[in-house]
Amino acid sequence: MSKGVFIRLLLAVAIGLSLSACQDKKAREENEQLKAHVLQLQKDAGELGNRIDVLTTENADLKAEIARLKARHPAKKTPAPKGHRHTTKPGASSEN
């Protein structure tokens, strides 16, 4: 192998290693960003889970309150009036 070919080969290996190291650094930085993002998402998911639990409990309490109120005041239908109602005509008064 000639000296020029050897130097070119060495130069190509050096460039390849430096590019590889650069890509590794970028990959590590991206990996760290993704880890931080995953941690934030996990935190958010936990908070949402807690909020769901609170709302579920509140919903059950409200349903119980509705049932209690319905039991205390049962809805009674008033019977529809039968026949014709007698009303006084306008202007006609029983006062004299």
PDB file of N, CA and C in Angstrom:
ATOM      1  N   MET A   1       0.843  -1.145   0.000  1.00  0.00           N
ATOM      2  CA  MET A   1       0.000   0.000   0.000  1.00  0.00           C
ATOM      3  C   MET A   1       0.906   1.231   0.000  1.00  0.00           C
ATOM      4  N   SER A   2       0.518   2.174  -0.828  1.00  0.00           N
ATOM      5  CA  SER A   2       1.365   3.360  -0.897  1.00  0.00           C
ATOM      6  C   SER A   2       1.024   4.298   0.249  1.00  0.00           C
ATOM      7  N   LYS A   3       1.942   5.189   0.471  1.00  0.00           N
ATOM      8  CA  LYS A   3       1.790   6.124   1.576  1.00  0.00           C
ATOM      9  C   LYS A   3       0.560   7.032   1.364  1.00  0.00           C
ATOM     10  N   GLY A   4       0.259   7.475   0.168  1.00  0.00           N
ATOM     11  CA  GLY A   4      -0.872   8.353  -0.149  1.00  0.00           C
ATOM     12  C   GLY A   4      -2.206   7.645   0.098  1.00  0.00           C
ATOM     13  N   VAL A   5      -2.276   6.345  -0.284  1.00  0.00           N
ATOM     14  CA  VAL A   5      -3.506   5.579  -0.089  1.00  0.00           C
ATOM     15  C   VAL A   5      -3.742   5.372   1.401  1.00  0.00           C
ATOM     16  N   PHE A   6      -2.672   5.102   2.119  1.00  0.00           N
ATOM     17  CA  PHE A   6      -2.758   4.874   3.555  1.00  0.00           C
ATOM     18  C   PHE A   6      -3.265   6.132   4.265  1.00  0.00           C
ATOM     19  N   ILE A   7      -2.732   7.287   3.849  1.00  0.00           N
ATOM     20  CA  ILE A   7      -3.147   8.556   4.472  1.00  0.00           C
ATOM     21  C   ILE A   7      -4.617   8.833   4.152  1.00  0.00           C
ATOM     22  N   ARG A   8      -5.039   8.545   2.919  1.00  0.00           N
ATOM     23  CA  ARG A   8      -6.439   8.751   2.554  1.00  0.00           C
ATOM     24  C   ARG A   8      -7.358   7.822   3.363  1.00  0.00           C
ATOM     25  N   LEU A   9      -6.924   6.604   3.534  1.00  0.00           N
ATOM     26  CA  LEU A   9      -7.694   5.634   4.310  1.00  0.00           C
ATOM     27  C   LEU A   9      -7.795   6.087   5.760  1.00  0.00           C
ATOM     28  N   LEU A  10      -6.703   6.538   6.310  1.00  0.00           N
ATOM     29  CA  LEU A  10      -6.686   7.027   7.684  1.00  0.00           C
ATOM     30  C   LEU A  10      -7.585   8.260   7.831  1.00  0.00           C
ATOM     31  N   LEU A  11      -7.508   9.143   6.853  1.00  0.00           N
ATOM     32  CA  LEU A  11      -8.338  10.341   6.858  1.00  0.00           C
ATOM     33  C   LEU A  11      -9.821   9.969   6.768  1.00  0.00           C
ATOM     34  N   ALA A  12     -10.174   9.011   5.934  1.00  0.00           N
ATOM     35  CA  ALA A  12     -11.560   8.558   5.789  1.00  0.00           C
ATOM     36  C   ALA A  12     -12.057   7.932   7.090  1.00  0.00           C
ATOM     37  N   VAL A  13     -11.215   7.152   7.746  1.00  0.00           N
ATOM     38  CA  VAL A  13     -11.593   6.537   9.021  1.00  0.00           C
ATOM     39  C   VAL A  13     -11.792   7.621  10.076  1.00  0.00           C
ATOM     40  N   ALA A  14     -10.910   8.603  10.115  1.00  0.00           N
ATOM     41  CA  ALA A  14     -11.011   9.686  11.094  1.00  0.00           C
ATOM     42  C   ALA A  14     -12.294  10.492  10.871  1.00  0.00           C
ATOM     43  N   ILE A  15     -12.597  10.793   9.621  1.00  0.00           N
ATOM     44  CA  ILE A  15     -13.822  11.539   9.317  1.00  0.00           C
ATOM     45  C   ILE A  15     -15.046  10.700   9.683  1.00  0.00           C
ATOM     46  N   GLY A  16     -14.998   9.442   9.357  1.00  0.00           N
ATOM     47  CA  GLY A  16     -16.112   8.542   9.686  1.00  0.00           C
ATOM     48  C   GLY A  16     -16.342   8.467  11.194  1.00  0.00           C
ATOM     49  N   LEU A  17     -15.262   8.370  11.967  1.00  0.00           N
ATOM     50  CA  LEU A  17     -15.396   8.310  13.425  1.00  0.00           C
ATOM     51  C   LEU A  17     -15.933   9.619  14.003  1.00  0.00           C
ATOM     52  N   SER A  18     -15.455  10.738  13.461  1.00  0.00           N
ATOM     53  CA  SER A  18     -15.929  12.028  13.969  1.00  0.00           C
ATOM     54  C   SER A  18     -17.410  12.234  13.633  1.00  0.00           C
ATOM     55  N   LEU A  19     -17.834  11.831  12.435  1.00  0.00           N
ATOM     56  CA  LEU A  19     -19.247  11.926  12.077  1.00  0.00           C
ATOM     57  C   LEU A  19     -20.092  11.005  12.953  1.00  0.00           C
ATOM     58  N   SER A  20     -19.539   9.828  13.226  1.00  0.00           N
ATOM     59  CA  SER A  20     -20.242   8.874  14.077  1.00  0.00           C
ATOM     60  C   SER A  20     -20.385   9.433  15.484  1.00  0.00           C
ATOM     61  N   ALA A  21     -19.336  10.044  15.997  1.00  0.00           N
ATOM     62  CA  ALA A  21     -19.384  10.634  17.336  1.00  0.00           C
ATOM     63  C   ALA A  21     -20.389  11.782  17.370  1.00  0.00           C
ATOM     64  N   CYS A  22     -20.444  12.555  16.305  1.00  0.00           N
ATOM     65  CA  CYS A  22     -21.379  13.670  16.221  1.00  0.00           C
ATOM     66  C   CYS A  22     -22.822  13.153  16.224  1.00  0.00           C
ATOM     67  N   GLN A  23     -23.044  12.093  15.457  1.00  0.00           N
ATOM     68  CA  GLN A  23     -24.381  11.502  15.410  1.00  0.00           C
ATOM     69  C   GLN A  23     -24.744  10.891  16.763  1.00  0.00           C
ATOM     70  N   ASP A  24     -23.766  10.273  17.430  1.00  0.00           N
ATOM     71  CA  ASP A  24     -24.021   9.720  18.752  1.00  0.00           C
ATOM     72  C   ASP A  24     -24.400  10.825  19.740  1.00  0.00           C
ATOM     73  N   LYS A  25     -23.720  11.960  19.648  1.00  0.00           N
ATOM     74  CA  LYS A  25     -24.023  13.076  20.540  1.00  0.00           C
ATOM     75  C   LYS A  25     -25.448  13.573  20.286  1.00  0.00           C
ATOM     76  N   LYS A  26     -25.824  13.700  19.020  1.00  0.00           N
ATOM     77  CA  LYS A  26     -27.180  14.139  18.684  1.00  0.00           C
ATOM     78  C   LYS A  26     -28.203  13.129  19.183  1.00  0.00           C
ATOM     79  N   ALA A  27     -27.897  11.852  19.011  1.00  0.00           N
ATOM     80  CA  ALA A  27     -28.816  10.807  19.455  1.00  0.00           C
ATOM     81  C   ALA A  27     -28.962  10.843  20.973  1.00  0.00           C
ATOM     82  N   ARG A  28     -27.861  11.063  21.686  1.00  0.00           N
ATOM     83  CA  ARG A  28     -27.928  11.148  23.143  1.00  0.00           C
ATOM     84  C   ARG A  28     -28.765  12.347  23.586  1.00  0.00           C
ATOM     85  N   GLU A  29     -28.555  13.493  22.932  1.00  0.00           N
ATOM     86  CA  GLU A  29     -29.327  14.689  23.274  1.00  0.00           C
ATOM     87  C   GLU A  29     -30.820  14.469  23.013  1.00  0.00           C
ATOM     88  N   GLU A  30     -31.120  13.865  21.884  1.00  0.00           N
ATOM     89  CA  GLU A  30     -32.518  13.586  21.555  1.00  0.00           C
ATOM     90  C   GLU A  30     -33.117  12.598  22.554  1.00  0.00           C
ATOM     91  N   ASN A  31     -32.326  11.610  22.937  1.00  0.00           N
ATOM     92  CA  ASN A  31     -32.769  10.613  23.910  1.00  0.00           C
ATOM     93  C   ASN A  31     -33.083  11.276  25.252  1.00  0.00           C
ATOM     94  N   GLU A  32     -32.230  12.203  25.684  1.00  0.00           N
ATOM     95  CA  GLU A  32     -32.467  12.915  26.946  1.00  0.00           C
ATOM     96  C   GLU A  32     -33.741  13.761  26.864  1.00  0.00           C
ATOM     97  N   GLN A  33     -33.948  14.417  25.732  1.00  0.00           N
ATOM     98  CA  GLN A  33     -35.169  15.218  25.549  1.00  0.00           C
ATOM     99  C   GLN A  33     -36.413  14.328  25.601  1.00  0.00           C
ATOM    100  N   LEU A  34     -36.321  13.171  24.955  1.00  0.00           N
ATOM    101  CA  LEU A  34     -37.450  12.243  24.952  1.00  0.00           C
ATOM    102  C   LEU A  34     -37.728  11.709  26.360  1.00  0.00           C
ATOM    103  N   LYS A  35     -36.679  11.429  27.105  1.00  0.00           N
ATOM    104  CA  LYS A  35     -36.865  10.956  28.483  1.00  0.00           C
ATOM    105  C   LYS A  35     -37.575  12.016  29.318  1.00  0.00           C
ATOM    106  N   ALA A  36     -37.150  13.262  29.165  1.00  0.00           N
ATOM    107  CA  ALA A  36     -37.787  14.353  29.912  1.00  0.00           C
ATOM    108  C   ALA A  36     -39.251  14.487  29.506  1.00  0.00           C
ATOM    109  N   HIS A  37     -39.522  14.342  28.224  1.00  0.00           N
ATOM    110  CA  HIS A  37     -40.901  14.439  27.736  1.00  0.00           C
ATOM    111  C   HIS A  37     -41.747  13.295  28.288  1.00  0.00           C
ATOM    112  N   VAL A  38     -41.207  12.096  28.304  1.00  0.00           N
ATOM    113  CA  VAL A  38     -41.928  10.934  28.841  1.00  0.00           C
ATOM    114  C   VAL A  38     -42.231  11.145  30.323  1.00  0.00           C
ATOM    115  N   LEU A  39     -41.265  11.654  31.078  1.00  0.00           N
ATOM    116  CA  LEU A  39     -41.492  11.919  32.501  1.00  0.00           C
ATOM    117  C   LEU A  39     -42.614  12.936  32.700  1.00  0.00           C
ATOM    118  N   GLN A  40     -42.632  13.977  31.877  1.00  0.00           N
ATOM    119  CA  GLN A  40     -43.688  14.985  31.981  1.00  0.00           C
ATOM    120  C   GLN A  40     -45.045  14.373  31.643  1.00  0.00           C
ATOM    121  N   LEU A  41     -45.097  13.528  30.615  1.00  0.00           N
ATOM    122  CA  LEU A  41     -46.348  12.872  30.236  1.00  0.00           C
ATOM    123  C   LEU A  41     -46.841  11.942  31.353  1.00  0.00           C
ATOM    124  N   GLN A  42     -45.911  11.241  32.002  1.00  0.00           N
ATOM    125  CA  GLN A  42     -46.294  10.364  33.100  1.00  0.00           C
ATOM    126  C   GLN A  42     -46.858  11.178  34.271  1.00  0.00           C
ATOM    127  N   LYS A  43     -46.231  12.306  34.546  1.00  0.00           N
ATOM    128  CA  LYS A  43     -46.714  13.186  35.610  1.00  0.00           C
ATOM    129  C   LYS A  43     -48.118  13.684  35.275  1.00  0.00           C
ATOM    130  N   ASP A  44     -48.312  14.135  34.035  1.00  0.00           N
ATOM    131  CA  ASP A  44     -49.617  14.628  33.599  1.00  0.00           C
ATOM    132  C   ASP A  44     -50.677  13.529  33.685  1.00  0.00           C
ATOM    133  N   ALA A  45     -50.305  12.320  33.288  1.00  0.00           N
ATOM    134  CA  ALA A  45     -51.244  11.198  33.327  1.00  0.00           C
ATOM    135  C   ALA A  45     -51.653  10.904  34.766  1.00  0.00           C
ATOM    136  N   GLY A  46     -50.704  10.974  35.681  1.00  0.00           N
ATOM    137  CA  GLY A  46     -51.022  10.755  37.098  1.00  0.00           C
ATOM    138  C   GLY A  46     -51.983  11.811  37.620  1.00  0.00           C
ATOM    139  N   GLU A  47     -51.735  13.072  37.267  1.00  0.00           N
ATOM    140  CA  GLU A  47     -52.614  14.158  37.700  1.00  0.00           C
ATOM    141  C   GLU A  47     -54.019  13.983  37.118  1.00  0.00           C
ATOM    142  N   LEU A  48     -54.096  13.584  35.860  1.00  0.00           N
ATOM    143  CA  LEU A  48     -55.404  13.364  35.234  1.00  0.00           C
ATOM    144  C   LEU A  48     -56.130  12.192  35.881  1.00  0.00           C
ATOM    145  N   GLY A  49     -55.386  11.154  36.232  1.00  0.00           N
ATOM    146  CA  GLY A  49     -55.993  10.012  36.919  1.00  0.00           C
ATOM    147  C   GLY A  49     -56.577  10.430  38.255  1.00  0.00           C
ATOM    148  N   ASN A  50     -55.842  11.268  38.988  1.00  0.00           N
ATOM    149  CA  ASN A  50     -56.349  11.769  40.268  1.00  0.00           C
ATOM    150  C   ASN A  50     -57.606  12.605  40.061  1.00  0.00           C
ATOM    151  N   ARG A  51     -57.589  13.437  39.034  1.00  0.00           N
ATOM    152  CA  ARG A  51     -58.748  14.297  38.744  1.00  0.00           C
ATOM    153  C   ARG A  51     -59.969  13.449  38.386  1.00  0.00           C
ATOM    154  N   ILE A  52     -59.754  12.374  37.628  1.00  0.00           N
ATOM    155  CA  ILE A  52     -60.846  11.467  37.269  1.00  0.00           C
ATOM    156  C   ILE A  52     -61.429  10.835  38.526  1.00  0.00           C
ATOM    157  N   ASP A  53     -60.567  10.429  39.456  1.00  0.00           N
ATOM    158  CA  ASP A  53     -61.047   9.836  40.701  1.00  0.00           C
ATOM    159  C   ASP A  53     -61.916  10.829  41.473  1.00  0.00           C
ATOM    160  N   VAL A  54     -61.472  12.076  41.557  1.00  0.00           N
ATOM    161  CA  VAL A  54     -62.229  13.111  42.275  1.00  0.00           C
ATOM    162  C   VAL A  54     -63.584  13.324  41.606  1.00  0.00           C
ATOM    163  N   LEU A  55     -63.575  13.433  40.282  1.00  0.00           N
ATOM    164  CA  LEU A  55     -64.828  13.671  39.560  1.00  0.00           C
ATOM    165  C   LEU A  55     -65.776  12.476  39.653  1.00  0.00           C
ATOM    166  N   THR A  56     -65.237  11.270  39.657  1.00  0.00           N
ATOM    167  CA  THR A  56     -66.066  10.073  39.788  1.00  0.00           C
ATOM    168  C   THR A  56     -66.755  10.055  41.142  1.00  0.00           C
ATOM    169  N   THR A  57     -66.002  10.388  42.182  1.00  0.00           N
ATOM    170  CA  THR A  57     -66.579  10.453  43.526  1.00  0.00           C
ATOM    171  C   THR A  57     -67.642  11.543  43.603  1.00  0.00           C
ATOM    172  N   GLU A  58     -67.337  12.693  43.053  1.00  0.00           N
ATOM    173  CA  GLU A  58     -68.289  13.807  43.052  1.00  0.00           C
ATOM    174  C   GLU A  58     -69.559  13.428  42.296  1.00  0.00           C
ATOM    175  N   ASN A  59     -69.412  12.752  41.181  1.00  0.00           N
ATOM    176  CA  ASN A  59     -70.557  12.312  40.386  1.00  0.00           C
ATOM    177  C   ASN A  59     -71.427  11.347  41.186  1.00  0.00           C
ATOM    178  N   ALA A  60     -70.803  10.399  41.876  1.00  0.00           N
ATOM    179  CA  ALA A  60     -71.560   9.441  42.682  1.00  0.00           C
ATOM    180  C   ALA A  60     -72.307  10.170  43.807  1.00  0.00           C
ATOM    181  N   ASP A  61     -71.658  11.142  44.431  1.00  0.00           N
ATOM    182  CA  ASP A  61     -72.306  11.922  45.489  1.00  0.00           C
ATOM    183  C   ASP A  61     -73.520  12.680  44.948  1.00  0.00           C
ATOM    184  N   LEU A  62     -73.367  13.276  43.777  1.00  0.00           N
ATOM    185  CA  LEU A  62     -74.473  14.019  43.182  1.00  0.00           C
ATOM    186  C   LEU A  62     -75.640  13.099  42.806  1.00  0.00           C
ATOM    187  N   LYS A  63     -75.325  11.919  42.303  1.00  0.00           N
ATOM    188  CA  LYS A  63     -76.386  10.958  41.979  1.00  0.00           C
ATOM    189  C   LYS A  63     -77.133  10.542  43.238  1.00  0.00           C
ATOM    190  N   ALA A  64     -76.402  10.332  44.334  1.00  0.00           N
ATOM    191  CA  ALA A  64     -77.035   9.969  45.604  1.00  0.00           C
ATOM    192  C   ALA A  64     -77.918  11.120  46.094  1.00  0.00           C
ATOM    193  N   GLU A  65     -77.439  12.350  45.951  1.00  0.00           N
ATOM    194  CA  GLU A  65     -78.213  13.524  46.348  1.00  0.00           C
ATOM    195  C   GLU A  65     -79.503  13.631  45.535  1.00  0.00           C
ATOM    196  N   ILE A  66     -79.424  13.392  44.244  1.00  0.00           N
ATOM    197  CA  ILE A  66     -80.613  13.421  43.383  1.00  0.00           C
ATOM    198  C   ILE A  66     -81.613  12.353  43.827  1.00  0.00           C
ATOM    199  N   ALA A  67     -81.119  11.147  44.082  1.00  0.00           N
ATOM    200  CA  ALA A  67     -82.002  10.065  44.511  1.00  0.00           C
ATOM    201  C   ALA A  67     -82.662  10.410  45.847  1.00  0.00           C
ATOM    202  N   ARG A  68     -81.914  11.013  46.765  1.00  0.00           N
ATOM    203  CA  ARG A  68     -82.446  11.396  48.070  1.00  0.00           C
ATOM    204  C   ARG A  68     -83.534  12.459  47.910  1.00  0.00           C
ATOM    205  N   LEU A  69     -83.279  13.434  47.049  1.00  0.00           N
ATOM    206  CA  LEU A  69     -84.264  14.498  46.834  1.00  0.00           C
ATOM    207  C   LEU A  69     -85.522  13.971  46.157  1.00  0.00           C
ATOM    208  N   LYS A  70     -85.371  13.055  45.228  1.00  0.00           N
ATOM    209  CA  LYS A  70     -86.529  12.473  44.563  1.00  0.00           C
ATOM    210  C   LYS A  70     -87.363  11.668  45.549  1.00  0.00           C
ATOM    211  N   ALA A  71     -86.710  10.974  46.468  1.00  0.00           N
ATOM    212  CA  ALA A  71     -87.433  10.157  47.446  1.00  0.00           C
ATOM    213  C   ALA A  71     -88.183  11.047  48.436  1.00  0.00           C
ATOM    214  N   ARG A  72     -87.642  12.196  48.759  1.00  0.00           N
ATOM    215  CA  ARG A  72     -88.266  13.089  49.723  1.00  0.00           C
ATOM    216  C   ARG A  72     -89.475  13.788  49.120  1.00  0.00           C
ATOM    217  N   HIS A  73     -89.413  14.146  47.867  1.00  0.00           N
ATOM    218  CA  HIS A  73     -90.493  14.860  47.184  1.00  0.00           C
ATOM    219  C   HIS A  73     -90.894  14.089  45.930  1.00  0.00           C
ATOM    220  N   PRO A  74     -91.713  13.069  46.110  1.00  0.00           N
ATOM    221  CA  PRO A  74     -92.102  12.311  44.914  1.00  0.00           C
ATOM    222  C   PRO A  74     -92.935  13.191  43.988  1.00  0.00           C
ATOM    223  N   ALA A  75     -92.717  13.035  42.740  1.00  0.00           N
ATOM    224  CA  ALA A  75     -93.439  13.829  41.750  1.00  0.00           C
ATOM    225  C   ALA A  75     -94.862  13.304  41.656  1.00  0.00           C
ATOM    226  N   LYS A  76     -95.816  14.185  41.973  1.00  0.00           N
ATOM    227  CA  LYS A  76     -97.229  13.801  41.879  1.00  0.00           C
ATOM    228  C   LYS A  76     -97.836  14.548  40.712  1.00  0.00           C
ATOM    229  N   LYS A  77     -98.544  13.811  39.924  1.00  0.00           N
ATOM    230  CA  LYS A  77     -99.224  14.438  38.798  1.00  0.00           C
ATOM    231  C   LYS A  77    -100.584  14.918  39.288  1.00  0.00           C
ATOM    232  N   THR A  78    -100.885  16.132  38.964  1.00  0.00           N
ATOM    233  CA  THR A  78    -102.196  16.648  39.321  1.00  0.00           C
ATOM    234  C   THR A  78    -103.179  16.201  38.257  1.00  0.00           C
ATOM    235  N   PRO A  79    -104.370  15.823  38.672  1.00  0.00           N
ATOM    236  CA  PRO A  79    -105.331  15.352  37.662  1.00  0.00           C
ATOM    237  C   PRO A  79    -105.755  16.515  36.772  1.00  0.00           C
ATOM    238  N   ALA A  80    -105.993  16.204  35.546  1.00  0.00           N
ATOM    239  CA  ALA A  80    -106.433  17.213  34.590  1.00  0.00           C
ATOM    240  C   ALA A  80    -107.853  17.623  34.943  1.00  0.00           C
ATOM    241  N   PRO A  81    -108.168  18.897  34.807  1.00  0.00           N
ATOM    242  CA  PRO A  81    -109.531  19.336  35.144  1.00  0.00           C
ATOM    243  C   PRO A  81    -110.540  18.692  34.196  1.00  0.00           C
ATOM    244  N   LYS A  82    -111.658  18.306  34.778  1.00  0.00           N
ATOM    245  CA  LYS A  82    -112.700  17.683  33.974  1.00  0.00           C
ATOM    246  C   LYS A  82    -113.777  18.714  33.706  1.00  0.00           C
ATOM    247  N   GLY A  83    -114.321  18.668  32.562  1.00  0.00           N
ATOM    248  CA  GLY A  83    -115.393  19.583  32.223  1.00  0.00           C
ATOM    249  C   GLY A  83    -114.866  20.964  31.891  1.00  0.00           C
ATOM    250  N   HIS A  84    -115.816  21.894  31.864  1.00  0.00           N
ATOM    251  CA  HIS A  84    -115.499  23.263  31.474  1.00  0.00           C
ATOM    252  C   HIS A  84    -115.467  24.126  32.722  1.00  0.00           C
ATOM    253  N   ARG A  85    -114.494  24.944  32.862  1.00  0.00           N
ATOM    254  CA  ARG A  85    -114.429  25.840  34.006  1.00  0.00           C
ATOM    255  C   ARG A  85    -115.324  27.045  33.747  1.00  0.00           C
ATOM    256  N   HIS A  86    -115.931  27.530  34.790  1.00  0.00           N
ATOM    257  CA  HIS A  86    -116.746  28.729  34.685  1.00  0.00           C
ATOM    258  C   HIS A  86    -115.869  29.921  35.009  1.00  0.00           C
ATOM    259  N   THR A  87    -115.801  30.828  34.104  1.00  0.00           N
ATOM    260  CA  THR A  87    -115.034  32.040  34.346  1.00  0.00           C
ATOM    261  C   THR A  87    -115.956  33.223  34.188  1.00  0.00           C
ATOM    262  N   THR A  88    -115.628  34.282  34.849  1.00  0.00           N
ATOM    263  CA  THR A  88    -116.436  35.479  34.712  1.00  0.00           C
ATOM    264  C   THR A  88    -116.020  36.204  33.466  1.00  0.00           C
ATOM    265  N   LYS A  89    -116.984  36.835  32.862  1.00  0.00           N
ATOM    266  CA  LYS A  89    -116.704  37.566  31.635  1.00  0.00           C
ATOM    267  C   LYS A  89    -116.039  38.891  31.997  1.00  0.00           C
ATOM    268  N   PRO A  90    -115.173  39.387  31.155  1.00  0.00           N
ATOM    269  CA  PRO A  90    -114.561  40.662  31.452  1.00  0.00           C
ATOM    270  C   PRO A  90    -115.624  41.745  31.529  1.00  0.00           C
ATOM    271  N   GLY A  91    -115.493  42.596  32.490  1.00  0.00           N
ATOM    272  CA  GLY A  91    -116.450  43.686  32.656  1.00  0.00           C
ATOM    273  C   GLY A  91    -117.599  43.294  33.553  1.00  0.00           C
ATOM    274  N   ALA A  92    -117.880  42.016  33.686  1.00  0.00           N
ATOM    275  CA  ALA A  92    -118.964  41.582  34.558  1.00  0.00           C
ATOM    276  C   ALA A  92    -118.362  41.299  35.916  1.00  0.00           C
ATOM    277  N   SER A  93    -118.818  41.988  36.905  1.00  0.00           N
ATOM    278  CA  SER A  93    -118.273  41.823  38.228  1.00  0.00           C
ATOM    279  C   SER A  93    -119.396  41.481  39.176  1.00  0.00           C
ATOM    280  N   SER A  94    -119.077  40.733  40.185  1.00  0.00           N
ATOM    281  CA  SER A  94    -120.104  40.386  41.163  1.00  0.00           C
ATOM    282  C   SER A  94    -120.230  41.456  42.236  1.00  0.00           C
ATOM    283  N   GLU A  95    -119.415  42.469  42.156  1.00  0.00           N
ATOM    284  CA  GLU A  95    -119.465  43.563  43.118  1.00  0.00           C
ATOM    285  C   GLU A  95    -120.545  44.552  42.681  1.00  0.00           C
ATOM    286  N   ASN A  96    -121.439  44.958  43.529  1.00  0.00           N
ATOM    287  CA  ASN A  96    -122.455  45.981  43.274  1.00  0.00           C
ATOM    288  C   ASN A  96    -122.684  46.807  44.482  1.00  0.00           C
TER     289      ASN A  96
END
